[in-house]
Amino acid sequence: MSVNKVILVGRLGRDPEVRYMPNGDAVANFSIATDETWRDKNGERQTRTEWHNITLYRKLGEIAGQYLRKGSLVYIEGRIQSRKYTGKDGVERTAYDIIGNEMKMLGSKSDNAGGGGHYEQQGGGHYDQGHDYGAPAQQSAPPAAPRRQEPKAAPAPVDDIDDDIPF
């Protein structure tokens, strides 16, 4: 068994670039930064920033292009995919991209053009029915917690069972 799953929370380094494939499907590309912070042996705070190339397809790509902007805080879930290319210096290199299948806009409305929203792409371009995929700017209040139903009383035992049963 093998697993290829990535979960990232970071800020966009640039606005998403949305293009369309010949079949009409959208493809959004952007990068996000994640930070790691620690104290060195002298007690000084150190920070390392990693940049991740993100690719979102179909409706998820369209949503990203519409609502995400540089600096937006976003949760991305997906898989790692490598690709080889030849650099300007003629040296063959490998790049690693994150192919996202779930996105959640985090932070305030000022962090994202449309506020928070959770978007998940299912196989074949379908989207999870449990989420609102309308315009995230129009988020409604969270649903009320389900009420606990009182347990129904057990039926009273029957003492006078009719013996007319033919078997």
C-alpha atoms as a PDB file:
ATOM      1  CA  MET A   1       0.000   0.000   0.000  1.00  0.00           C
ATOM      2  CA  SER A   2       1.186   3.543  -0.661  1.00  0.00           C
ATOM      3  CA  VAL A   3      -0.136   6.993   0.162  1.00  0.00           C
ATOM      4  CA  ASN A   4       0.481  10.292  -1.612  1.00  0.00           C
ATOM      5  CA  LYS A   5      -1.314  12.971   0.411  1.00  0.00           C
ATOM      6  CA  VAL A   6      -0.328  16.551   1.207  1.00  0.00           C
ATOM      7  CA  ILE A   7      -1.966  19.053   3.547  1.00  0.00           C
ATOM      8  CA  LEU A   8      -0.735  22.652   3.456  1.00  0.00           C
ATOM      9  CA  VAL A   9      -1.849  25.883   5.093  1.00  0.00           C
ATOM     10  CA  GLY A  10      -0.152  28.977   3.753  1.00  0.00           C
ATOM     11  CA  ARG A  11      -0.464  32.342   2.048  1.00  0.00           C
ATOM     12  CA  LEU A  12      -0.552  32.932  -1.680  1.00  0.00           C
ATOM     13  CA  GLY A  13       2.579  34.486  -3.117  1.00  0.00           C
ATOM     14  CA  ARG A  14       0.743  35.714  -6.211  1.00  0.00           C
ATOM     15  CA  ASP A  15      -2.758  35.893  -7.638  1.00  0.00           C
ATOM     16  CA  PRO A  16      -3.905  32.618  -9.225  1.00  0.00           C
ATOM     17  CA  GLU A  17      -3.367  32.354 -12.972  1.00  0.00           C
ATOM     18  CA  VAL A  18      -6.338  30.627 -14.608  1.00  0.00           C
ATOM     19  CA  ARG A  19      -6.137  29.089 -18.061  1.00  0.00           C
ATOM     20  CA  TYR A  20      -8.531  26.843 -19.936  1.00  0.00           C
ATOM     21  CA  MET A  21      -7.736  23.520 -21.590  1.00  0.00           C
ATOM     22  CA  PRO A  22      -9.080  22.762 -25.078  1.00  0.00           C
ATOM     23  CA  ASN A  23     -11.984  20.819 -23.517  1.00  0.00           C
ATOM     24  CA  GLY A  24     -12.991  23.948 -21.550  1.00  0.00           C
ATOM     25  CA  ASP A  25     -11.773  22.783 -18.123  1.00  0.00           C
ATOM     26  CA  ALA A  26     -10.115  25.465 -15.996  1.00  0.00           C
ATOM     27  CA  VAL A  27      -6.598  25.092 -14.587  1.00  0.00           C
ATOM     28  CA  ALA A  28      -5.450  27.470 -11.838  1.00  0.00           C
ATOM     29  CA  ASN A  29      -1.785  27.804 -10.888  1.00  0.00           C
ATOM     30  CA  PHE A  30      -0.386  29.723  -7.938  1.00  0.00           C
ATOM     31  CA  SER A  31       2.176  29.351  -5.188  1.00  0.00           C
ATOM     32  CA  ILE A  32       1.765  29.361  -1.431  1.00  0.00           C
ATOM     33  CA  ALA A  33       4.345  29.922   1.285  1.00  0.00           C
ATOM     34  CA  THR A  34       4.586  27.907   4.482  1.00  0.00           C
ATOM     35  CA  ASP A  35       6.848  28.945   7.351  1.00  0.00           C
ATOM     36  CA  GLU A  36       8.773  26.913   9.892  1.00  0.00           C
ATOM     37  CA  THR A  37      10.026  28.742  12.985  1.00  0.00           C
ATOM     38  CA  TRP A  38      12.466  27.557  15.645  1.00  0.00           C
ATOM     39  CA  ARG A  39      15.075  28.838  18.073  1.00  0.00           C
ATOM     40  CA  ASP A  40      18.718  28.119  17.317  1.00  0.00           C
ATOM     41  CA  LYS A  41      21.312  27.090  19.922  1.00  0.00           C
ATOM     42  CA  ASN A  42      21.891  30.787  20.748  1.00  0.00           C
ATOM     43  CA  GLY A  43      18.175  31.259  21.467  1.00  0.00           C
ATOM     44  CA  GLU A  44      17.600  33.386  18.391  1.00  0.00           C
ATOM     45  CA  ARG A  45      14.454  32.885  16.404  1.00  0.00           C
ATOM     46  CA  GLN A  46      14.980  31.397  12.936  1.00  0.00           C
ATOM     47  CA  THR A  47      12.429  31.110  10.139  1.00  0.00           C
ATOM     48  CA  ARG A  48      12.495  29.080   6.937  1.00  0.00           C
ATOM     49  CA  THR A  49       9.930  29.663   4.200  1.00  0.00           C
ATOM     50  CA  GLU A  50       9.043  26.920   1.729  1.00  0.00           C
ATOM     51  CA  TRP A  51       7.261  27.727  -1.521  1.00  0.00           C
ATOM     52  CA  HIS A  52       4.817  25.228  -3.014  1.00  0.00           C
ATOM     53  CA  ASN A  53       3.442  25.263  -6.566  1.00  0.00           C
ATOM     54  CA  ILE A  54      -0.283  24.526  -6.518  1.00  0.00           C
ATOM     55  CA  THR A  55      -2.455  23.362  -9.425  1.00  0.00           C
ATOM     56  CA  LEU A  56      -6.246  23.148  -9.186  1.00  0.00           C
ATOM     57  CA  TYR A  57      -8.407  21.780 -11.991  1.00  0.00           C
ATOM     58  CA  ARG A  58     -11.965  22.309 -13.223  1.00  0.00           C
ATOM     59  CA  LYS A  59     -14.450  24.070 -10.914  1.00  0.00           C
ATOM     60  CA  LEU A  60     -11.929  24.192  -8.080  1.00  0.00           C
ATOM     61  CA  GLY A  61      -9.581  26.149 -10.361  1.00  0.00           C
ATOM     62  CA  GLU A  62     -12.364  28.553 -11.324  1.00  0.00           C
ATOM     63  CA  ILE A  63     -13.239  29.155  -7.658  1.00  0.00           C
ATOM     64  CA  ALA A  64      -9.591  29.816  -6.798  1.00  0.00           C
ATOM     65  CA  GLY A  65      -9.271  32.294  -9.648  1.00  0.00           C
ATOM     66  CA  GLN A  66     -12.412  34.092  -8.576  1.00  0.00           C
ATOM     67  CA  TYR A  67     -11.838  34.331  -4.812  1.00  0.00           C
ATOM     68  CA  LEU A  68      -8.129  33.965  -3.978  1.00  0.00           C
ATOM     69  CA  ARG A  69      -5.650  36.834  -4.109  1.00  0.00           C
ATOM     70  CA  LYS A  70      -2.014  37.358  -3.221  1.00  0.00           C
ATOM     71  CA  GLY A  71      -1.699  37.122   0.575  1.00  0.00           C
ATOM     72  CA  SER A  72      -4.867  35.008   1.036  1.00  0.00           C
ATOM     73  CA  LEU A  73      -4.598  32.334   3.715  1.00  0.00           C
ATOM     74  CA  VAL A  74      -5.652  28.975   2.270  1.00  0.00           C
ATOM     75  CA  TYR A  75      -5.824  25.292   3.211  1.00  0.00           C
ATOM     76  CA  ILE A  76      -4.932  22.929   0.367  1.00  0.00           C
ATOM     77  CA  GLU A  77      -5.216  19.163   0.369  1.00  0.00           C
ATOM     78  CA  GLY A  78      -3.962  17.072  -2.519  1.00  0.00           C
ATOM     79  CA  ARG A  79      -1.073  14.989  -3.819  1.00  0.00           C
ATOM     80  CA  ILE A  80       2.518  15.547  -4.926  1.00  0.00           C
ATOM     81  CA  GLN A  81       3.304  15.192  -8.606  1.00  0.00           C
ATOM     82  CA  SER A  82       6.759  15.569 -10.135  1.00  0.00           C
ATOM     83  CA  ARG A  83       7.606  16.864 -13.592  1.00  0.00           C
ATOM     84  CA  LYS A  84      10.895  17.153 -15.435  1.00  0.00           C
ATOM     85  CA  TYR A  85      11.956  20.199 -17.398  1.00  0.00           C
ATOM     86  CA  THR A  86      15.109  21.645 -18.897  1.00  0.00           C
ATOM     87  CA  GLY A  87      16.286  24.928 -17.386  1.00  0.00           C
ATOM     88  CA  LYS A  88      17.607  27.917 -19.330  1.00  0.00           C
ATOM     89  CA  ASP A  89      21.093  26.630 -18.620  1.00  0.00           C
ATOM     90  CA  GLY A  90      20.305  23.336 -20.392  1.00  0.00           C
ATOM     91  CA  VAL A  91      20.305  21.287 -17.174  1.00  0.00           C
ATOM     92  CA  GLU A  92      17.422  18.870 -16.655  1.00  0.00           C
ATOM     93  CA  ARG A  93      15.575  19.540 -13.400  1.00  0.00           C
ATOM     94  CA  THR A  94      12.633  18.115 -11.495  1.00  0.00           C
ATOM     95  CA  ALA A  95       9.840  20.273 -10.118  1.00  0.00           C
ATOM     96  CA  TYR A  96       7.304  19.119  -7.559  1.00  0.00           C
ATOM     97  CA  ASP A  97       3.736  20.391  -7.790  1.00  0.00           C
ATOM     98  CA  ILE A  98       0.789  19.932  -5.476  1.00  0.00           C
ATOM     99  CA  ILE A  99      -2.316  18.835  -7.362  1.00  0.00           C
ATOM    100  CA  GLY A 100      -5.104  20.015  -5.078  1.00  0.00           C
ATOM    101  CA  ASN A 101      -8.444  18.272  -4.670  1.00  0.00           C
ATOM    102  CA  GLU A 102      -9.675  20.245  -1.670  1.00  0.00           C
ATOM    103  CA  MET A 103      -9.399  23.925  -0.793  1.00  0.00           C
ATOM    104  CA  LYS A 104     -10.580  25.969   2.164  1.00  0.00           C
ATOM    105  CA  MET A 105     -10.245  29.728   2.254  1.00  0.00           C
ATOM    106  CA  LEU A 106      -9.155  30.755   5.736  1.00  0.00           C
ATOM    107  CA  GLY A 107      -8.987  34.096   7.480  1.00  0.00           C
ATOM    108  CA  SER A 108     -11.193  37.136   7.222  1.00  0.00           C
ATOM    109  CA  LYS A 109     -12.902  38.662   4.219  1.00  0.00           C
ATOM    110  CA  SER A 110      -9.971  41.048   3.914  1.00  0.00           C
ATOM    111  CA  ASP A 111      -7.607  38.051   3.596  1.00  0.00           C
ATOM    112  CA  ASN A 112      -9.673  36.536   0.754  1.00  0.00           C
ATOM    113  CA  ALA A 113     -11.750  38.344  -1.802  1.00  0.00           C
ATOM    114  CA  GLY A 114     -14.851  36.436  -0.749  1.00  0.00           C
ATOM    115  CA  GLY A 115     -14.278  35.315   2.827  1.00  0.00           C
ATOM    116  CA  GLY A 116     -14.018  31.733   3.983  1.00  0.00           C
ATOM    117  CA  GLY A 117     -15.335  28.733   2.098  1.00  0.00           C
ATOM    118  CA  HIS A 118     -14.648  25.031   1.791  1.00  0.00           C
ATOM    119  CA  TYR A 119     -14.419  23.399  -1.618  1.00  0.00           C
ATOM    120  CA  GLU A 120     -13.721  19.767  -2.345  1.00  0.00           C
ATOM    121  CA  GLN A 121     -13.401  18.140  -5.723  1.00  0.00           C
ATOM    122  CA  GLN A 122     -14.580  14.552  -5.932  1.00  0.00           C
ATOM    123  CA  GLY A 123     -13.581  12.099  -8.659  1.00  0.00           C
ATOM    124  CA  GLY A 124     -14.905  12.954 -12.092  1.00  0.00           C
ATOM    125  CA  GLY A 125     -15.320  16.641 -11.323  1.00  0.00           C
ATOM    126  CA  HIS A 126     -18.134  16.220  -8.814  1.00  0.00           C
ATOM    127  CA  TYR A 127     -18.256  18.257  -5.644  1.00  0.00           C
ATOM    128  CA  ASP A 128     -19.139  17.099  -2.152  1.00  0.00           C
ATOM    129  CA  GLN A 129     -22.843  17.663  -1.558  1.00  0.00           C
ATOM    130  CA  GLY A 130     -22.217  18.533   2.095  1.00  0.00           C
ATOM    131  CA  HIS A 131     -20.680  21.910   1.329  1.00  0.00           C
ATOM    132  CA  ASP A 132     -22.076  25.173   0.030  1.00  0.00           C
ATOM    133  CA  TYR A 133     -20.388  25.925  -3.284  1.00  0.00           C
ATOM    134  CA  GLY A 134     -22.158  29.197  -3.860  1.00  0.00           C
ATOM    135  CA  ALA A 135     -20.323  32.488  -3.594  1.00  0.00           C
ATOM    136  CA  PRO A 136     -18.332  32.317  -0.358  1.00  0.00           C
ATOM    137  CA  ALA A 137     -18.983  36.014   0.208  1.00  0.00           C
ATOM    138  CA  GLN A 138     -22.543  35.077   1.095  1.00  0.00           C
ATOM    139  CA  GLN A 139     -21.770  32.589   3.859  1.00  0.00           C
ATOM    140  CA  SER A 140     -24.734  31.898   6.063  1.00  0.00           C
ATOM    141  CA  ALA A 141     -24.617  31.341   9.806  1.00  0.00           C
ATOM    142  CA  PRO A 142     -23.450  27.882  10.837  1.00  0.00           C
ATOM    143  CA  PRO A 143     -26.282  25.385  11.147  1.00  0.00           C
ATOM    144  CA  ALA A 144     -27.790  24.946  14.573  1.00  0.00           C
ATOM    145  CA  ALA A 145     -26.646  21.936  16.530  1.00  0.00           C
ATOM    146  CA  PRO A 146     -29.028  19.011  16.150  1.00  0.00           C
ATOM    147  CA  ARG A 147     -31.472  18.685  18.992  1.00  0.00           C
ATOM    148  CA  ARG A 148     -31.308  15.586  21.081  1.00  0.00           C
ATOM    149  CA  GLN A 149     -34.476  13.605  20.757  1.00  0.00           C
ATOM    150  CA  GLU A 150     -36.006  12.073  23.834  1.00  0.00           C
ATOM    151  CA  PRO A 151     -35.875   8.278  23.669  1.00  0.00           C
ATOM    152  CA  LYS A 152     -39.229   6.773  22.862  1.00  0.00           C
ATOM    153  CA  ALA A 153     -40.802   4.733  25.633  1.00  0.00           C
ATOM    154  CA  ALA A 154     -40.607   0.978  25.073  1.00  0.00           C
ATOM    155  CA  PRO A 155     -44.002  -0.580  24.346  1.00  0.00           C
ATOM    156  CA  ALA A 156     -45.668  -2.153  27.330  1.00  0.00           C
ATOM    157  CA  PRO A 157     -45.346  -5.951  27.501  1.00  0.00           C
ATOM    158  CA  VAL A 158     -48.416  -7.837  26.351  1.00  0.00           C
ATOM    159  CA  ASP A 159     -49.620 -10.375  28.915  1.00  0.00           C
ATOM    160  CA  ASP A 160     -52.687 -11.680  27.151  1.00  0.00           C
ATOM    161  CA  ILE A 161     -51.248 -13.246  24.000  1.00  0.00           C
ATOM    162  CA  ASP A 162     -53.990 -14.711  21.909  1.00  0.00           C
ATOM    163  CA  ASP A 163     -53.549 -18.490  21.488  1.00  0.00           C
ATOM    164  CA  ASP A 164     -55.524 -18.646  18.221  1.00  0.00           C
ATOM    165  CA  ILE A 165     -52.357 -18.955  16.187  1.00  0.00           C
ATOM    166  CA  PRO A 166     -52.827 -21.879  13.739  1.00  0.00           C
ATOM    167  CA  PHE A 167     -49.283 -23.207  13.968  1.00  0.00           C
END
